[in-house]
Amino acid sequence: MSRMLMVRCFLLSDDTVYRWIGLPQHTTVAECRRIVATVFDIDGEVGTDTDGGFLLRDALRHPGDTLHFHWGLWEFQMQLAEIHLGDSDDAAAMCVAGAGEFGPRPFDLRAVNAELLALSGV
């Protein structure tokens, strides 16, 4: 049975800038770097101190577990909120909600999800 991890990713200096993202359990930390860049409209490489080959399900095992990402001097935290059981292992990452702007354009949920779908190749 597949699992979808529901995470809240937010800017550490301003937690009013956040995104709620559903991520398949098989997502790697390296893929999360691209996902964080996409949902926050970052044109550049987002870093992390966690090994990129780790699977998200191994890094975020229990609600409250966190991963940290950075872009320049900006820091983002991804926190596991809950785990949902699903039917499909081929689900793509999906942003389900968000608030606040980070980047040159206003937050647009549809545009973000179109970019996430393109990233996944589904």
PDB file of N, CA and C in Angstrom:
ATOM      1  N   MET A   1       0.850  -1.178   0.000  1.00  0.00           N
ATOM      2  CA  MET A   1       0.000   0.000   0.000  1.00  0.00           C
ATOM      3  C   MET A   1       0.893   1.238   0.000  1.00  0.00           C
ATOM      4  N   SER A   2       0.537   2.190  -0.814  1.00  0.00           N
ATOM      5  CA  SER A   2       1.331   3.416  -0.904  1.00  0.00           C
ATOM      6  C   SER A   2       0.939   4.383   0.209  1.00  0.00           C
ATOM      7  N   ARG A   3       1.835   5.319   0.448  1.00  0.00           N
ATOM      8  CA  ARG A   3       1.579   6.348   1.455  1.00  0.00           C
ATOM      9  C   ARG A   3       1.892   7.710   0.872  1.00  0.00           C
ATOM     10  N   MET A   4       1.067   8.663   1.202  1.00  0.00           N
ATOM     11  CA  MET A   4       1.285  10.048   0.811  1.00  0.00           C
ATOM     12  C   MET A   4       1.598  10.809   2.090  1.00  0.00           C
ATOM     13  N   LEU A   5       2.740  11.489   2.105  1.00  0.00           N
ATOM     14  CA  LEU A   5       3.149  12.256   3.274  1.00  0.00           C
ATOM     15  C   LEU A   5       2.665  13.693   3.117  1.00  0.00           C
ATOM     16  N   MET A   6       1.894  14.166   4.055  1.00  0.00           N
ATOM     17  CA  MET A   6       1.413  15.542   4.023  1.00  0.00           C
ATOM     18  C   MET A   6       2.359  16.373   4.878  1.00  0.00           C
ATOM     19  N   VAL A   7       3.024  17.343   4.231  1.00  0.00           N
ATOM     20  CA  VAL A   7       4.010  18.161   4.930  1.00  0.00           C
ATOM     21  C   VAL A   7       3.641  19.633   4.846  1.00  0.00           C
ATOM     22  N   ARG A   8       4.092  20.375   5.832  1.00  0.00           N
ATOM     23  CA  ARG A   8       3.988  21.833   5.809  1.00  0.00           C
ATOM     24  C   ARG A   8       5.402  22.342   5.634  1.00  0.00           C
ATOM     25  N   CYS A   9       5.622  23.095   4.576  1.00  0.00           N
ATOM     26  CA  CYS A   9       6.943  23.655   4.303  1.00  0.00           C
ATOM     27  C   CYS A   9       6.821  25.167   4.450  1.00  0.00           C
ATOM     28  N   PHE A  10       7.715  25.762   5.236  1.00  0.00           N
ATOM     29  CA  PHE A  10       7.570  27.196   5.483  1.00  0.00           C
ATOM     30  C   PHE A  10       8.918  27.874   5.612  1.00  0.00           C
ATOM     31  N   LEU A  11       8.891  29.167   5.379  1.00  0.00           N
ATOM     32  CA  LEU A  11      10.053  30.028   5.519  1.00  0.00           C
ATOM     33  C   LEU A  11      10.292  30.234   7.012  1.00  0.00           C
ATOM     34  N   LEU A  12      11.475  29.890   7.495  1.00  0.00           N
ATOM     35  CA  LEU A  12      11.738  29.958   8.938  1.00  0.00           C
ATOM     36  C   LEU A  12      11.637  31.367   9.504  1.00  0.00           C
ATOM     37  N   SER A  13      12.014  32.373   8.740  1.00  0.00           N
ATOM     38  CA  SER A  13      11.981  33.737   9.273  1.00  0.00           C
ATOM     39  C   SER A  13      10.582  34.347   9.247  1.00  0.00           C
ATOM     40  N   ASP A  14       9.647  33.690   8.552  1.00  0.00           N
ATOM     41  CA  ASP A  14       8.295  34.233   8.435  1.00  0.00           C
ATOM     42  C   ASP A  14       7.338  33.081   8.178  1.00  0.00           C
ATOM     43  N   ASP A  15       6.776  32.497   9.245  1.00  0.00           N
ATOM     44  CA  ASP A  15       5.949  31.314   9.044  1.00  0.00           C
ATOM     45  C   ASP A  15       4.583  31.616   8.442  1.00  0.00           C
ATOM     46  N   THR A  16       4.349  32.868   8.021  1.00  0.00           N
ATOM     47  CA  THR A  16       3.132  33.165   7.273  1.00  0.00           C
ATOM     48  C   THR A  16       3.329  32.870   5.788  1.00  0.00           C
ATOM     49  N   VAL A  17       4.554  32.544   5.390  1.00  0.00           N
ATOM     50  CA  VAL A  17       4.849  32.105   4.024  1.00  0.00           C
ATOM     51  C   VAL A  17       5.026  30.592   4.098  1.00  0.00           C
ATOM     52  N   TYR A  18       3.991  29.865   3.655  1.00  0.00           N
ATOM     53  CA  TYR A  18       4.023  28.406   3.779  1.00  0.00           C
ATOM     54  C   TYR A  18       3.304  27.733   2.613  1.00  0.00           C
ATOM     55  N   ARG A  19       3.574  26.440   2.460  1.00  0.00           N
ATOM     56  CA  ARG A  19       2.902  25.608   1.473  1.00  0.00           C
ATOM     57  C   ARG A  19       2.595  24.262   2.127  1.00  0.00           C
ATOM     58  N   TRP A  20       1.396  23.752   1.885  1.00  0.00           N
ATOM     59  CA  TRP A  20       1.045  22.387   2.273  1.00  0.00           C
ATOM     60  C   TRP A  20       1.224  21.530   1.033  1.00  0.00           C
ATOM     61  N   ILE A  21       2.006  20.457   1.169  1.00  0.00           N
ATOM     62  CA  ILE A  21       2.373  19.641   0.015  1.00  0.00           C
ATOM     63  C   ILE A  21       2.146  18.170   0.340  1.00  0.00           C
ATOM     64  N   GLY A  22       1.516  17.460  -0.581  1.00  0.00           N
ATOM     65  CA  GLY A  22       1.405  16.009  -0.489  1.00  0.00           C
ATOM     66  C   GLY A  22       2.543  15.404  -1.291  1.00  0.00           C
ATOM     67  N   LEU A  23       3.331  14.549  -0.661  1.00  0.00           N
ATOM     68  CA  LEU A  23       4.503  13.956  -1.308  1.00  0.00           C
ATOM     69  C   LEU A  23       4.437  12.435  -1.233  1.00  0.00           C
ATOM     70  N   PRO A  24       4.630  11.752  -2.364  1.00  0.00           N
ATOM     71  CA  PRO A  24       4.679  10.287  -2.323  1.00  0.00           C
ATOM     72  C   PRO A  24       5.820   9.819  -1.420  1.00  0.00           C
ATOM     73  N   GLN A  25       5.628   8.703  -0.742  1.00  0.00           N
ATOM     74  CA  GLN A  25       6.619   8.195   0.211  1.00  0.00           C
ATOM     75  C   GLN A  25       7.957   7.881  -0.431  1.00  0.00           C
ATOM     76  N   HIS A  26       7.972   7.598  -1.723  1.00  0.00           N
ATOM     77  CA  HIS A  26       9.218   7.229  -2.411  1.00  0.00           C
ATOM     78  C   HIS A  26      10.001   8.443  -2.915  1.00  0.00           C
ATOM     79  N   THR A  27       9.533   9.651  -2.618  1.00  0.00           N
ATOM     80  CA  THR A  27      10.235  10.873  -3.017  1.00  0.00           C
ATOM     81  C   THR A  27      11.588  10.932  -2.313  1.00  0.00           C
ATOM     82  N   THR A  28      12.635  11.289  -3.062  1.00  0.00           N
ATOM     83  CA  THR A  28      13.961  11.427  -2.452  1.00  0.00           C
ATOM     84  C   THR A  28      14.152  12.848  -1.933  1.00  0.00           C
ATOM     85  N   VAL A  29      15.117  13.022  -1.061  1.00  0.00           N
ATOM     86  CA  VAL A  29      15.443  14.357  -0.560  1.00  0.00           C
ATOM     87  C   VAL A  29      15.899  15.238  -1.724  1.00  0.00           C
ATOM     88  N   ALA A  30      16.634  14.672  -2.685  1.00  0.00           N
ATOM     89  CA  ALA A  30      17.057  15.443  -3.863  1.00  0.00           C
ATOM     90  C   ALA A  30      15.843  15.949  -4.635  1.00  0.00           C
ATOM     91  N   GLU A  31      14.812  15.117  -4.783  1.00  0.00           N
ATOM     92  CA  GLU A  31      13.587  15.562  -5.454  1.00  0.00           C
ATOM     93  C   GLU A  31      12.892  16.639  -4.633  1.00  0.00           C
ATOM     94  N   CYS A  32      12.941  16.525  -3.313  1.00  0.00           N
ATOM     95  CA  CYS A  32      12.344  17.552  -2.443  1.00  0.00           C
ATOM     96  C   CYS A  32      13.004  18.905  -2.656  1.00  0.00           C
ATOM     97  N   ARG A  33      14.295  18.909  -2.946  1.00  0.00           N
ATOM     98  CA  ARG A  33      14.990  20.175  -3.212  1.00  0.00           C
ATOM     99  C   ARG A  33      14.349  20.884  -4.406  1.00  0.00           C
ATOM    100  N   ARG A  34      14.033  20.129  -5.453  1.00  0.00           N
ATOM    101  CA  ARG A  34      13.384  20.723  -6.632  1.00  0.00           C
ATOM    102  C   ARG A  34      11.949  21.128  -6.316  1.00  0.00           C
ATOM    103  N   ILE A  35      11.274  20.327  -5.500  1.00  0.00           N
ATOM    104  CA  ILE A  35       9.891  20.635  -5.131  1.00  0.00           C
ATOM    105  C   ILE A  35       9.834  21.919  -4.307  1.00  0.00           C
ATOM    106  N   VAL A  36      10.730  22.075  -3.342  1.00  0.00           N
ATOM    107  CA  VAL A  36      10.770  23.306  -2.538  1.00  0.00           C
ATOM    108  C   VAL A  36      11.033  24.507  -3.444  1.00  0.00           C
ATOM    109  N   ALA A  37      11.960  24.381  -4.374  1.00  0.00           N
ATOM    110  CA  ALA A  37      12.234  25.480  -5.314  1.00  0.00           C
ATOM    111  C   ALA A  37      10.982  25.820  -6.113  1.00  0.00           C
ATOM    112  N   THR A  38      10.252  24.804  -6.541  1.00  0.00           N
ATOM    113  CA  THR A  38       9.054  25.025  -7.355  1.00  0.00           C
ATOM    114  C   THR A  38       7.947  25.707  -6.564  1.00  0.00           C
ATOM    115  N   VAL A  39       7.634  25.213  -5.374  1.00  0.00           N
ATOM    116  CA  VAL A  39       6.492  25.763  -4.635  1.00  0.00           C
ATOM    117  C   VAL A  39       6.752  27.167  -4.103  1.00  0.00           C
ATOM    118  N   PHE A  40       8.032  27.542  -3.961  1.00  0.00           N
ATOM    119  CA  PHE A  40       8.353  28.895  -3.503  1.00  0.00           C
ATOM    120  C   PHE A  40       8.852  29.788  -4.638  1.00  0.00           C
ATOM    121  N   ASP A  41       8.731  29.319  -5.879  1.00  0.00           N
ATOM    122  CA  ASP A  41       9.087  30.113  -7.060  1.00  0.00           C
ATOM    123  C   ASP A  41      10.548  30.572  -7.012  1.00  0.00           C
ATOM    124  N   ILE A  42      11.425  29.643  -6.652  1.00  0.00           N
ATOM    125  CA  ILE A  42      12.854  29.938  -6.575  1.00  0.00           C
ATOM    126  C   ILE A  42      13.514  29.513  -7.875  1.00  0.00           C
ATOM    127  N   ASP A  43      14.217  30.433  -8.488  1.00  0.00           N
ATOM    128  CA  ASP A  43      14.951  30.135  -9.714  1.00  0.00           C
ATOM    129  C   ASP A  43      16.401  29.873  -9.330  1.00  0.00           C
ATOM    130  N   GLY A  44      16.667  28.670  -8.909  1.00  0.00           N
ATOM    131  CA  GLY A  44      18.014  28.325  -8.474  1.00  0.00           C
ATOM    132  C   GLY A  44      18.010  27.027  -7.705  1.00  0.00           C
ATOM    133  N   GLU A  45      19.175  26.632  -7.271  1.00  0.00           N
ATOM    134  CA  GLU A  45      19.372  25.373  -6.555  1.00  0.00           C
ATOM    135  C   GLU A  45      19.103  25.554  -5.066  1.00  0.00           C
ATOM    136  N   VAL A  46      18.182  24.770  -4.539  1.00  0.00           N
ATOM    137  CA  VAL A  46      17.901  24.754  -3.110  1.00  0.00           C
ATOM    138  C   VAL A  46      18.757  23.663  -2.490  1.00  0.00           C
ATOM    139  N   GLY A  47      19.399  23.964  -1.383  1.00  0.00           N
ATOM    140  CA  GLY A  47      20.288  23.001  -0.740  1.00  0.00           C
ATOM    141  C   GLY A  47      19.696  22.399   0.518  1.00  0.00           C
ATOM    142  N   THR A  48      20.364  21.366   0.985  1.00  0.00           N
ATOM    143  CA  THR A  48      20.023  20.725   2.253  1.00  0.00           C
ATOM    144  C   THR A  48      21.260  20.013   2.772  1.00  0.00           C
ATOM    145  N   ASP A  49      21.314  19.806   4.072  1.00  0.00           N
ATOM    146  CA  ASP A  49      22.431  19.064   4.658  1.00  0.00           C
ATOM    147  C   ASP A  49      22.154  17.564   4.699  1.00  0.00           C
ATOM    148  N   THR A  50      20.944  17.157   4.321  1.00  0.00           N
ATOM    149  CA  THR A  50      20.555  15.744   4.327  1.00  0.00           C
ATOM    150  C   THR A  50      20.953  15.109   3.005  1.00  0.00           C
ATOM    151  N   ASP A  51      21.450  13.887   3.050  1.00  0.00           N
ATOM    152  CA  ASP A  51      21.844  13.144   1.855  1.00  0.00           C
ATOM    153  C   ASP A  51      20.688  13.105   0.859  1.00  0.00           C
ATOM    154  N   GLY A  52      20.948  13.531  -0.368  1.00  0.00           N
ATOM    155  CA  GLY A  52      19.924  13.592  -1.400  1.00  0.00           C
ATOM    156  C   GLY A  52      19.326  12.255  -1.766  1.00  0.00           C
ATOM    157  N   GLY A  53      20.027  11.168  -1.504  1.00  0.00           N
ATOM    158  CA  GLY A  53      19.528   9.843  -1.833  1.00  0.00           C
ATOM    159  C   GLY A  53      18.539   9.279  -0.824  1.00  0.00           C
ATOM    160  N   PHE A  54      18.433   9.897   0.339  1.00  0.00           N
ATOM    161  CA  PHE A  54      17.477   9.425   1.350  1.00  0.00           C
ATOM    162  C   PHE A  54      16.067   9.498   0.789  1.00  0.00           C
ATOM    163  N   LEU A  55      15.273   8.496   1.109  1.00  0.00           N
ATOM    164  CA  LEU A  55      13.854   8.555   0.779  1.00  0.00           C
ATOM    165  C   LEU A  55      13.147   9.365   1.856  1.00  0.00           C
ATOM    166  N   LEU A  56      12.154  10.114   1.433  1.00  0.00           N
ATOM    167  CA  LEU A  56      11.407  10.950   2.366  1.00  0.00           C
ATOM    168  C   LEU A  56      10.822  10.118   3.503  1.00  0.00           C
ATOM    169  N   ARG A  57      10.344   8.918   3.184  1.00  0.00           N
ATOM    170  CA  ARG A  57       9.736   8.067   4.217  1.00  0.00           C
ATOM    171  C   ARG A  57      10.735   7.670   5.299  1.00  0.00           C
ATOM    172  N   ASP A  58      12.036   7.697   4.972  1.00  0.00           N
ATOM    173  CA  ASP A  58      13.066   7.379   5.963  1.00  0.00           C
ATOM    174  C   ASP A  58      13.514   8.616   6.740  1.00  0.00           C
ATOM    175  N   ALA A  59      13.374   9.780   6.131  1.00  0.00           N
ATOM    176  CA  ALA A  59      13.779  11.028   6.780  1.00  0.00           C
ATOM    177  C   ALA A  59      12.659  11.610   7.645  1.00  0.00           C
ATOM    178  N   LEU A  60      11.415  11.426   7.203  1.00  0.00           N
ATOM    179  CA  LEU A  60      10.248  11.928   7.939  1.00  0.00           C
ATOM    180  C   LEU A  60       9.387  10.728   8.317  1.00  0.00           C
ATOM    181  N   ARG A  61       9.606  10.188   9.482  1.00  0.00           N
ATOM    182  CA  ARG A  61       8.929   8.948   9.871  1.00  0.00           C
ATOM    183  C   ARG A  61       7.715   9.172  10.763  1.00  0.00           C
ATOM    184  N   HIS A  62       7.750  10.248  11.548  1.00  0.00           N
ATOM    185  CA  HIS A  62       6.689  10.488  12.524  1.00  0.00           C
ATOM    186  C   HIS A  62       6.234  11.946  12.421  1.00  0.00           C
ATOM    187  N   PRO A  63       4.935  12.208  12.637  1.00  0.00           N
ATOM    188  CA  PRO A  63       4.476  13.594  12.634  1.00  0.00           C
ATOM    189  C   PRO A  63       5.350  14.452  13.548  1.00  0.00           C
ATOM    190  N   GLY A  64       5.746  15.601  13.026  1.00  0.00           N
ATOM    191  CA  GLY A  64       6.627  16.509  13.756  1.00  0.00           C
ATOM    192  C   GLY A  64       8.072  16.428  13.293  1.00  0.00           C
ATOM    193  N   ASP A  65       8.462  15.311  12.638  1.00  0.00           N
ATOM    194  CA  ASP A  65       9.822  15.199  12.101  1.00  0.00           C
ATOM    195  C   ASP A  65      10.043  16.277  11.045  1.00  0.00           C
ATOM    196  N   THR A  66      11.277  16.784  10.944  1.00  0.00           N
ATOM    197  CA  THR A  66      11.552  17.895  10.035  1.00  0.00           C
ATOM    198  C   THR A  66      12.784  17.653   9.165  1.00  0.00           C
ATOM    199  N   LEU A  67      12.790  18.340   8.040  1.00  0.00           N
ATOM    200  CA  LEU A  67      13.956  18.483   7.168  1.00  0.00           C
ATOM    201  C   LEU A  67      14.164  19.976   6.970  1.00  0.00           C
ATOM    202  N   HIS A  68      15.402  20.369   6.750  1.00  0.00           N
ATOM    203  CA  HIS A  68      15.710  21.779   6.526  1.00  0.00           C
ATOM    204  C   HIS A  68      16.331  21.956   5.147  1.00  0.00           C
ATOM    205  N   PHE A  69      15.947  23.037   4.495  1.00  0.00           N
ATOM    206  CA  PHE A  69      16.458  23.391   3.175  1.00  0.00           C
ATOM    207  C   PHE A  69      16.933  24.836   3.228  1.00  0.00           C
ATOM    208  N   HIS A  70      17.815  25.211   2.332  1.00  0.00           N
ATOM    209  CA  HIS A  70      18.290  26.591   2.310  1.00  0.00           C
ATOM    210  C   HIS A  70      18.517  27.046   0.872  1.00  0.00           C
ATOM    211  N   TRP A  71      18.370  28.338   0.694  1.00  0.00           N
ATOM    212  CA  TRP A  71      18.643  28.999  -0.575  1.00  0.00           C
ATOM    213  C   TRP A  71      19.267  30.343  -0.215  1.00  0.00           C
ATOM    214  N   GLY A  72      20.546  30.474  -0.458  1.00  0.00           N
ATOM    215  CA  GLY A  72      21.249  31.667   0.001  1.00  0.00           C
ATOM    216  C   GLY A  72      21.156  31.742   1.514  1.00  0.00           C
ATOM    217  N   LEU A  73      20.726  32.880   2.035  1.00  0.00           N
ATOM    218  CA  LEU A  73      20.569  33.042   3.482  1.00  0.00           C
ATOM    219  C   LEU A  73      19.179  32.643   3.977  1.00  0.00           C
ATOM    220  N   TRP A  74      18.288  32.267   3.063  1.00  0.00           N
ATOM    221  CA  TRP A  74      16.923  31.887   3.426  1.00  0.00           C
ATOM    222  C   TRP A  74      16.891  30.432   3.860  1.00  0.00           C
ATOM    223  N   GLU A  75      16.125  30.147   4.915  1.00  0.00           N
ATOM    224  CA  GLU A  75      15.973  28.774   5.397  1.00  0.00           C
ATOM    225  C   GLU A  75      14.502  28.378   5.388  1.00  0.00           C
ATOM    226  N   PHE A  76      14.271  27.134   4.978  1.00  0.00           N
ATOM    227  CA  PHE A  76      12.926  26.573   4.921  1.00  0.00           C
ATOM    228  C   PHE A  76      12.893  25.305   5.762  1.00  0.00           C
ATOM    229  N   GLN A  77      11.783  25.075   6.410  1.00  0.00           N
ATOM    230  CA  GLN A  77      11.604  23.842   7.171  1.00  0.00           C
ATOM    231  C   GLN A  77      10.441  23.068   6.572  1.00  0.00           C
ATOM    232  N   MET A  78      10.622  21.764   6.415  1.00  0.00           N
ATOM    233  CA  MET A  78       9.557  20.871   5.970  1.00  0.00           C
ATOM    234  C   MET A  78       9.230  19.975   7.156  1.00  0.00           C
ATOM    235  N   GLN A  79       7.983  20.010   7.587  1.00  0.00           N
ATOM    236  CA  GLN A  79       7.577  19.253   8.766  1.00  0.00           C
ATOM    237  C   GLN A  79       6.457  18.285   8.401  1.00  0.00           C
ATOM    238  N   LEU A  80       6.634  17.013   8.770  1.00  0.00           N
ATOM    239  CA  LEU A  80       5.607  16.009   8.511  1.00  0.00           C
ATOM    240  C   LEU A  80       4.409  16.262   9.415  1.00  0.00           C
ATOM    241  N   ALA A  81       3.238  16.399   8.803  1.00  0.00           N
ATOM    242  CA  ALA A  81       2.013  16.590   9.572  1.00  0.00           C
ATOM    243  C   ALA A  81       1.296  15.258   9.765  1.00  0.00           C
ATOM    244  N   GLU A  82       1.115  14.518   8.667  1.00  0.00           N
ATOM    245  CA  GLU A  82       0.414  13.239   8.756  1.00  0.00           C
ATOM    246  C   GLU A  82       0.732  12.372   7.549  1.00  0.00           C
ATOM    247  N   ILE A  83       0.396  11.103   7.665  1.00  0.00           N
ATOM    248  CA  ILE A  83       0.618  10.137   6.593  1.00  0.00           C
ATOM    249  C   ILE A  83      -0.741   9.590   6.176  1.00  0.00           C
ATOM    250  N   HIS A  84      -1.016   9.640   4.859  1.00  0.00           N
ATOM    251  CA  HIS A  84      -2.271   9.126   4.312  1.00  0.00           C
ATOM    252  C   HIS A  84      -1.992   7.863   3.519  1.00  0.00           C
ATOM    253  N   LEU A  85      -2.812   6.848   3.712  1.00  0.00           N
ATOM    254  CA  LEU A  85      -2.698   5.640   2.909  1.00  0.00           C
ATOM    255  C   LEU A  85      -3.373   5.881   1.571  1.00  0.00           C
ATOM    256  N   GLY A  86      -2.778   5.334   0.511  1.00  0.00           N
ATOM    257  CA  GLY A  86      -3.327   5.530  -0.823  1.00  0.00           C
ATOM    258  C   GLY A  86      -3.315   4.247  -1.621  1.00  0.00           C
ATOM    259  N   ASP A  87      -3.785   4.349  -2.860  1.00  0.00           N
ATOM    260  CA  ASP A  87      -3.892   3.185  -3.729  1.00  0.00           C
ATOM    261  C   ASP A  87      -2.785   3.112  -4.761  1.00  0.00           C
ATOM    262  N   SER A  88      -2.151   4.236  -5.056  1.00  0.00           N
ATOM    263  CA  SER A  88      -1.234   4.287  -6.187  1.00  0.00           C
ATOM    264  C   SER A  88       0.162   4.723  -5.765  1.00  0.00           C
ATOM    265  N   ASP A  89       1.165   4.043  -6.318  1.00  0.00           N
ATOM    266  CA  ASP A  89       2.552   4.425  -6.051  1.00  0.00           C
ATOM    267  C   ASP A  89       3.072   5.454  -7.045  1.00  0.00           C
ATOM    268  N   ASP A  90       2.271   5.801  -8.048  1.00  0.00           N
ATOM    269  CA  ASP A  90       2.759   6.722  -9.074  1.00  0.00           C
ATOM    270  C   ASP A  90       2.183   8.128  -8.941  1.00  0.00           C
ATOM    271  N   ALA A  91       1.692   8.461  -7.767  1.00  0.00           N
ATOM    272  CA  ALA A  91       1.157   9.806  -7.541  1.00  0.00           C
ATOM    273  C   ALA A  91       2.285  10.833  -7.605  1.00  0.00           C
ATOM    274  N   ALA A  92       1.942  12.009  -8.073  1.00  0.00           N
ATOM    275  CA  ALA A  92       2.914  13.107  -8.150  1.00  0.00           C
ATOM    276  C   ALA A  92       2.769  13.992  -6.913  1.00  0.00           C
ATOM    277  N   ALA A  93       3.817  14.742  -6.619  1.00  0.00           N
ATOM    278  CA  ALA A  93       3.740  15.739  -5.550  1.00  0.00           C
ATOM    279  C   ALA A  93       2.657  16.745  -5.909  1.00  0.00           C
ATOM    280  N   MET A  94       1.936  17.220  -4.895  1.00  0.00           N
ATOM    281  CA  MET A  94       0.874  18.188  -5.140  1.00  0.00           C
ATOM    282  C   MET A  94       0.821  19.193  -4.003  1.00  0.00           C
ATOM    283  N   CYS A  95       0.793  20.455  -4.358  1.00  0.00           N
ATOM    284  CA  CYS A  95       0.614  21.519  -3.380  1.00  0.00           C
ATOM    285  C   CYS A  95      -0.889  21.685  -3.176  1.00  0.00           C
ATOM    286  N   VAL A  96      -1.359  21.537  -1.944  1.00  0.00           N
ATOM    287  CA  VAL A  96      -2.794  21.603  -1.689  1.00  0.00           C
ATOM    288  C   VAL A  96      -3.235  22.945  -1.114  1.00  0.00           C
ATOM    289  N   ALA A  97      -2.298  23.722  -0.606  1.00  0.00           N
ATOM    290  CA  ALA A  97      -2.638  25.036  -0.055  1.00  0.00           C
ATOM    291  C   ALA A  97      -1.353  25.818   0.171  1.00  0.00           C
ATOM    292  N   GLY A  98      -1.516  27.100   0.370  1.00  0.00           N
ATOM    293  CA  GLY A  98      -0.358  27.930   0.658  1.00  0.00           C
ATOM    294  C   GLY A  98      -0.778  29.360   0.904  1.00  0.00           C
ATOM    295  N   ALA A  99       0.130  30.117   1.469  1.00  0.00           N
ATOM    296  CA  ALA A  99      -0.116  31.532   1.719  1.00  0.00           C
ATOM    297  C   ALA A  99       1.217  32.257   1.699  1.00  0.00           C
ATOM    298  N   GLY A 100       1.145  33.516   1.391  1.00  0.00           N
ATOM    299  CA  GLY A 100       2.341  34.348   1.389  1.00  0.00           C
ATOM    300  C   GLY A 100       3.133  34.204   0.107  1.00  0.00           C
ATOM    301  N   GLU A 101       3.868  35.242  -0.201  1.00  0.00           N
ATOM    302  CA  GLU A 101       4.663  35.258  -1.426  1.00  0.00           C
ATOM    303  C   GLU A 101       6.138  35.163  -1.099  1.00  0.00           C
ATOM    304  N   PHE A 102       6.825  34.436  -1.959  1.00  0.00           N
ATOM    305  CA  PHE A 102       8.273  34.360  -1.900  1.00  0.00           C
ATOM    306  C   PHE A 102       8.710  34.222  -3.341  1.00  0.00           C
ATOM    307  N   GLY A 103       9.394  35.202  -3.828  1.00  0.00           N
ATOM    308  CA  GLY A 103       9.756  35.183  -5.239  1.00  0.00           C
ATOM    309  C   GLY A 103       9.104  36.331  -5.966  1.00  0.00           C
ATOM    310  N   PRO A 104       9.322  36.389  -7.264  1.00  0.00           N
ATOM    311  CA  PRO A 104       8.882  37.545  -8.032  1.00  0.00           C
ATOM    312  C   PRO A 104       7.393  37.579  -8.368  1.00  0.00           C
ATOM    313  N   ARG A 105       6.696  36.439  -8.245  1.00  0.00           N
ATOM    314  CA  ARG A 105       5.283  36.398  -8.645  1.00  0.00           C
ATOM    315  C   ARG A 105       4.399  36.043  -7.456  1.00  0.00           C
ATOM    316  N   PRO A 106       3.122  36.458  -7.503  1.00  0.00           N
ATOM    317  CA  PRO A 106       2.179  36.051  -6.455  1.00  0.00           C
ATOM    318  C   PRO A 106       2.008  34.527  -6.467  1.00  0.00           C
ATOM    319  N   PHE A 107       1.709  33.943  -5.314  1.00  0.00           N
ATOM    320  CA  PHE A 107       1.489  32.503  -5.215  1.00  0.00           C
ATOM    321  C   PHE A 107       0.274  32.116  -6.038  1.00  0.00           C
ATOM    322  N   ASP A 108       0.436  31.140  -6.932  1.00  0.00           N
ATOM    323  CA  ASP A 108      -0.629  30.660  -7.812  1.00  0.00           C
ATOM    324  C   ASP A 108      -0.657  29.137  -7.713  1.00  0.00           C
ATOM    325  N   LEU A 109      -1.626  28.605  -6.981  1.00  0.00           N
ATOM    326  CA  LEU A 109      -1.707  27.171  -6.714  1.00  0.00           C
ATOM    327  C   LEU A 109      -1.766  26.352  -8.005  1.00  0.00           C
ATOM    328  N   ARG A 110      -2.571  26.772  -8.954  1.00  0.00           N
ATOM    329  CA  ARG A 110      -2.673  26.027 -10.228  1.00  0.00           C
ATOM    330  C   ARG A 110      -1.348  25.990 -10.968  1.00  0.00           C
ATOM    331  N   ALA A 111      -0.686  27.116 -11.051  1.00  0.00           N
ATOM    332  CA  ALA A 111       0.602  27.172 -11.759  1.00  0.00           C
ATOM    333  C   ALA A 111       1.644  26.306 -11.055  1.00  0.00           C
ATOM    334  N   VAL A 112       1.664  26.343  -9.732  1.00  0.00           N
ATOM    335  CA  VAL A 112       2.608  25.524  -8.963  1.00  0.00           C
ATOM    336  C   VAL A 112       2.359  24.044  -9.244  1.00  0.00           C
ATOM    337  N   ASN A 113       1.092  23.618  -9.223  1.00  0.00           N
ATOM    338  CA  ASN A 113       0.794  22.207  -9.453  1.00  0.00           C
ATOM    339  C   ASN A 113       1.087  21.775 -10.886  1.00  0.00           C
ATOM    340  N   ALA A 114       0.914  22.668 -11.840  1.00  0.00           N
ATOM    341  CA  ALA A 114       1.291  22.347 -13.220  1.00  0.00           C
ATOM    342  C   ALA A 114       2.800  22.118 -13.307  1.00  0.00           C
ATOM    343  N   GLU A 115       3.576  22.942 -12.619  1.00  0.00           N
ATOM    344  CA  GLU A 115       5.037  22.770 -12.610  1.00  0.00           C
ATOM    345  C   GLU A 115       5.440  21.490 -11.883  1.00  0.00           C
ATOM    346  N   LEU A 116       4.765  21.174 -10.781  1.00  0.00           N
ATOM    347  CA  LEU A 116       5.070  19.939 -10.055  1.00  0.00           C
ATOM    348  C   LEU A 116       4.757  18.711 -10.908  1.00  0.00           C
ATOM    349  N   LEU A 117       3.662  18.761 -11.635  1.00  0.00           N
ATOM    350  CA  LEU A 117       3.298  17.652 -12.516  1.00  0.00           C
ATOM    351  C   LEU A 117       4.343  17.474 -13.609  1.00  0.00           C
ATOM    352  N   ALA A 118       4.813  18.583 -14.167  1.00  0.00           N
ATOM    353  CA  ALA A 118       5.858  18.517 -15.194  1.00  0.00           C
ATOM    354  C   ALA A 118       7.154  17.938 -14.617  1.00  0.00           C
ATOM    355  N   LEU A 119       7.483  18.297 -13.380  1.00  0.00           N
ATOM    356  CA  LEU A 119       8.681  17.755 -12.721  1.00  0.00           C
ATOM    357  C   LEU A 119       8.608  16.244 -12.576  1.00  0.00           C
ATOM    358  N   SER A 120       7.411  15.745 -12.273  1.00  0.00           N
ATOM    359  CA  SER A 120       7.249  14.318 -11.981  1.00  0.00           C
ATOM    360  C   SER A 120       7.272  13.463 -13.238  1.00  0.00           C
ATOM    361  N   GLY A 121       6.970  14.067 -14.380  1.00  0.00           N
ATOM    362  CA  GLY A 121       6.927  13.305 -15.621  1.00  0.00           C
ATOM    363  C   GLY A 121       5.691  12.431 -15.749  1.00  0.00           C
ATOM    364  N   VAL A 122       4.712  12.605 -14.858  1.00  0.00           N
ATOM    365  CA  VAL A 122       3.476  11.802 -14.923  1.00  0.00           C
ATOM    366  C   VAL A 122       2.567  12.358 -15.984  1.00  0.00           C
TER     367      VAL A 122
END
